[in-house]
C-alpha atoms as a PDB file:
ATOM      1  CA  MET A   1    -158.042  10.988  66.084  1.00  0.00           C
ATOM      2  CA  ASP A   2    -158.999  14.676  66.315  1.00  0.00           C
ATOM      3  CA  PHE A   3    -158.494  16.803  63.211  1.00  0.00           C
ATOM      4  CA  ASN A   4    -158.456  20.559  62.730  1.00  0.00           C
ATOM      5  CA  LYS A   5    -161.693  22.180  61.541  1.00  0.00           C
ATOM      6  CA  LEU A   6    -161.282  22.889  57.744  1.00  0.00           C
ATOM      7  CA  THR A   7    -162.903  25.489  55.538  1.00  0.00           C
ATOM      8  CA  ASP A   8    -164.790  24.410  52.540  1.00  0.00           C
ATOM      9  CA  GLU A   9    -161.860  25.370  50.346  1.00  0.00           C
ATOM     10  CA  GLU A  10    -159.457  23.342  52.483  1.00  0.00           C
ATOM     11  CA  LYS A  11    -161.851  20.410  52.415  1.00  0.00           C
ATOM     12  CA  ARG A  12    -162.025  20.600  48.487  1.00  0.00           C
ATOM     13  CA  VAL A  13    -158.258  20.336  48.332  1.00  0.00           C
ATOM     14  CA  ILE A  14    -157.221  18.130  51.262  1.00  0.00           C
ATOM     15  CA  GLU A  15    -160.148  15.785  51.398  1.00  0.00           C
ATOM     16  CA  ASN A  16    -161.390  15.752  47.885  1.00  0.00           C
ATOM     17  CA  LYS A  17    -157.936  15.984  46.060  1.00  0.00           C
ATOM     18  CA  GLY A  18    -158.438  19.387  44.582  1.00  0.00           C
ATOM     19  CA  THR A  19    -155.851  21.945  43.432  1.00  0.00           C
ATOM     20  CA  GLU A  20    -155.523  25.566  44.316  1.00  0.00           C
ATOM     21  CA  ARG A  21    -155.095  28.070  41.561  1.00  0.00           C
ATOM     22  CA  PRO A  22    -151.262  28.555  40.667  1.00  0.00           C
ATOM     23  CA  PHE A  23    -149.677  31.608  42.230  1.00  0.00           C
ATOM     24  CA  SER A  24    -152.571  32.065  44.662  1.00  0.00           C
ATOM     25  CA  GLY A  25    -151.277  30.220  47.673  1.00  0.00           C
ATOM     26  CA  GLU A  26    -149.825  31.955  50.687  1.00  0.00           C
ATOM     27  CA  TYR A  27    -146.654  29.840  50.848  1.00  0.00           C
ATOM     28  CA  ASN A  28    -145.768  30.039  47.053  1.00  0.00           C
ATOM     29  CA  ASP A  29    -143.344  32.944  47.685  1.00  0.00           C
ATOM     30  CA  PHE A  30    -142.788  32.372  51.357  1.00  0.00           C
ATOM     31  CA  TYR A  31    -139.224  31.773  52.653  1.00  0.00           C
ATOM     32  CA  GLU A  32    -139.180  32.099  56.403  1.00  0.00           C
ATOM     33  CA  GLU A  33    -137.259  29.588  58.478  1.00  0.00           C
ATOM     34  CA  GLY A  34    -139.422  26.966  60.204  1.00  0.00           C
ATOM     35  CA  THR A  35    -141.542  23.865  59.525  1.00  0.00           C
ATOM     36  CA  PHE A  36    -144.579  23.264  57.206  1.00  0.00           C
ATOM     37  CA  ILE A  37    -147.152  21.061  58.861  1.00  0.00           C
ATOM     38  CA  CYS A  38    -150.295  19.311  57.711  1.00  0.00           C
ATOM     39  CA  LYS A  39    -153.278  21.720  57.928  1.00  0.00           C
ATOM     40  CA  LYS A  40    -155.562  18.873  58.837  1.00  0.00           C
ATOM     41  CA  CYS A  41    -153.613  17.087  61.535  1.00  0.00           C
ATOM     42  CA  ASN A  42    -150.514  19.182  62.373  1.00  0.00           C
ATOM     43  CA  THR A  43    -147.966  16.537  61.349  1.00  0.00           C
ATOM     44  CA  PRO A  44    -144.626  18.167  60.383  1.00  0.00           C
ATOM     45  CA  LEU A  45    -144.023  17.466  56.755  1.00  0.00           C
ATOM     46  CA  TYR A  46    -141.206  19.790  55.312  1.00  0.00           C
ATOM     47  CA  THR A  47    -138.605  22.130  56.694  1.00  0.00           C
ATOM     48  CA  SER A  48    -137.995  25.474  55.036  1.00  0.00           C
ATOM     49  CA  LYS A  49    -134.544  24.274  54.171  1.00  0.00           C
ATOM     50  CA  SER A  50    -136.002  21.985  51.523  1.00  0.00           C
ATOM     51  CA  LYS A  51    -138.143  24.597  49.946  1.00  0.00           C
ATOM     52  CA  PHE A  52    -137.139  26.128  46.671  1.00  0.00           C
ATOM     53  CA  SER A  53    -138.501  28.414  43.838  1.00  0.00           C
ATOM     54  CA  SER A  54    -139.499  26.384  40.920  1.00  0.00           C
ATOM     55  CA  GLY A  55    -141.637  28.913  39.277  1.00  0.00           C
ATOM     56  CA  CYS A  56    -144.585  26.563  38.946  1.00  0.00           C
ATOM     57  CA  GLY A  57    -147.023  28.539  41.052  1.00  0.00           C
ATOM     58  CA  TRP A  58    -147.106  26.168  44.057  1.00  0.00           C
ATOM     59  CA  PRO A  59    -144.715  25.648  46.954  1.00  0.00           C
ATOM     60  CA  SER A  60    -141.929  23.349  46.036  1.00  0.00           C
ATOM     61  CA  PHE A  61    -139.842  21.103  48.203  1.00  0.00           C
ATOM     62  CA  ASP A  62    -137.000  18.673  47.171  1.00  0.00           C
ATOM     63  CA  ASP A  63    -137.469  16.493  50.406  1.00  0.00           C
ATOM     64  CA  ASN A  64    -139.999  15.708  52.990  1.00  0.00           C
ATOM     65  CA  LEU A  65    -139.335  14.895  56.830  1.00  0.00           C
ATOM     66  CA  GLU A  66    -138.784  11.153  57.327  1.00  0.00           C
ATOM     67  CA  ASP A  67    -141.971   9.045  56.930  1.00  0.00           C
ATOM     68  CA  ALA A  68    -144.066  12.243  56.817  1.00  0.00           C
ATOM     69  CA  VAL A  69    -145.386  11.951  53.265  1.00  0.00           C
ATOM     70  CA  LYS A  70    -146.762   8.952  51.415  1.00  0.00           C
ATOM     71  CA  ARG A  71    -146.540   8.596  47.492  1.00  0.00           C
ATOM     72  CA  VAL A  72    -149.529   7.016  45.888  1.00  0.00           C
ATOM     73  CA  PRO A  73    -150.315   6.470  42.268  1.00  0.00           C
ATOM     74  CA  ASN A  74    -152.708   9.372  41.074  1.00  0.00           C
ATOM     75  CA  ALA A  75    -156.045   8.279  39.596  1.00  0.00           C
ATOM     76  CA  ASP A  76    -154.971   9.599  36.202  1.00  0.00           C
ATOM     77  CA  GLY A  77    -152.209   6.966  36.167  1.00  0.00           C
ATOM     78  CA  ARG A  78    -149.654   9.548  34.982  1.00  0.00           C
ATOM     79  CA  ARG A  79    -148.714  11.256  38.235  1.00  0.00           C
ATOM     80  CA  ILE A  80    -147.708  10.428  41.736  1.00  0.00           C
ATOM     81  CA  GLU A  81    -149.912  12.007  44.432  1.00  0.00           C
ATOM     82  CA  ILE A  82    -148.335  12.974  47.795  1.00  0.00           C
ATOM     83  CA  VAL A  83    -150.509  12.712  51.078  1.00  0.00           C
ATOM     84  CA  CYS A  84    -149.841  13.235  54.697  1.00  0.00           C
ATOM     85  CA  SER A  85    -148.684   9.821  56.117  1.00  0.00           C
ATOM     86  CA  ASN A  86    -150.654  10.583  59.291  1.00  0.00           C
ATOM     87  CA  CYS A  87    -154.144  11.643  58.145  1.00  0.00           C
ATOM     88  CA  GLY A  88    -154.069  10.861  54.409  1.00  0.00           C
ATOM     89  CA  GLY A  89    -154.746  14.518  53.537  1.00  0.00           C
ATOM     90  CA  HIS A  90    -153.962  15.424  49.862  1.00  0.00           C
ATOM     91  CA  LEU A  91    -150.856  17.702  49.600  1.00  0.00           C
ATOM     92  CA  GLY A  92    -150.249  17.622  45.911  1.00  0.00           C
ATOM     93  CA  HIS A  93    -147.859  15.790  43.593  1.00  0.00           C
ATOM     94  CA  VAL A  94    -144.206  14.730  43.287  1.00  0.00           C
ATOM     95  CA  PHE A  95    -142.061  14.927  40.179  1.00  0.00           C
ATOM     96  CA  GLN A  96    -138.669  13.470  39.538  1.00  0.00           C
ATOM     97  CA  GLY A  97    -135.961  14.313  36.988  1.00  0.00           C
ATOM     98  CA  GLU A  98    -136.601  17.955  36.450  1.00  0.00           C
ATOM     99  CA  GLY A  99    -133.246  19.141  37.605  1.00  0.00           C
ATOM    100  CA  PHE A 100    -134.273  22.008  39.821  1.00  0.00           C
ATOM    101  CA  THR A 101    -132.072  20.747  42.776  1.00  0.00           C
ATOM    102  CA  SER A 102    -129.379  18.126  43.354  1.00  0.00           C
ATOM    103  CA  LYS A 103    -132.122  15.820  44.736  1.00  0.00           C
ATOM    104  CA  ASN A 104    -133.803  16.095  41.405  1.00  0.00           C
ATOM    105  CA  THR A 105    -137.180  15.892  43.048  1.00  0.00           C
ATOM    106  CA  ARG A 106    -140.046  18.396  43.352  1.00  0.00           C
ATOM    107  CA  HIS A 107    -142.988  18.107  45.765  1.00  0.00           C
ATOM    108  CA  CYS A 108    -145.534  20.374  44.351  1.00  0.00           C
ATOM    109  CA  VAL A 109    -147.719  21.286  47.313  1.00  0.00           C
ATOM    110  CA  ASN A 110    -150.900  23.194  47.710  1.00  0.00           C
ATOM    111  CA  SER A 111    -150.432  26.025  50.108  1.00  0.00           C
ATOM    112  CA  VAL A 112    -154.014  25.351  51.503  1.00  0.00           C
ATOM    113  CA  SER A 113    -152.815  21.916  52.642  1.00  0.00           C
ATOM    114  CA  LEU A 114    -150.095  23.464  54.885  1.00  0.00           C
ATOM    115  CA  SER A 115    -149.576  25.609  58.034  1.00  0.00           C
ATOM    116  CA  PHE A 116    -146.341  27.020  59.214  1.00  0.00           C
ATOM    117  CA  LYS A 117    -144.518  27.006  62.486  1.00  0.00           C
ATOM    118  CA  LYS A 118    -141.367  28.961  63.302  1.00  0.00           C
END
C-alpha cells in the first residue's frame, strides 16, 4: 500500500504515537463542513457533523465513520488509543462518560494526524 509522505513531526505523532501540543493544531478551532481523513493513507475518519468544542486543546469528535477507527488499549494501561483502521496510524485517544455530547464519547485527535476534504 502506498502512503503519503510525512514530515518528521507527522511521523513522530502518527507512527511513533506522539502528541502535538494542546491548542496548537490547525483543526482545534476549525468548523468547516466536510470530512476529516487520515494524513497517512487518506481514509475518511470523521465528518464535521461529529466535531464539537471540548476545550481540551485538540479536535474532538463524538463519533467516527463506520469501521474507520480502531480502539486499542494504550501502553500505559489507563487510556484507549485510537488508530486508523486502514494503516494503523496513531490518531489520539477516546474517552467515555464525560457528558460533552449525547453520545457521551470524545475522540481526542491530533490535528497533525488529519487532513480535511470539503
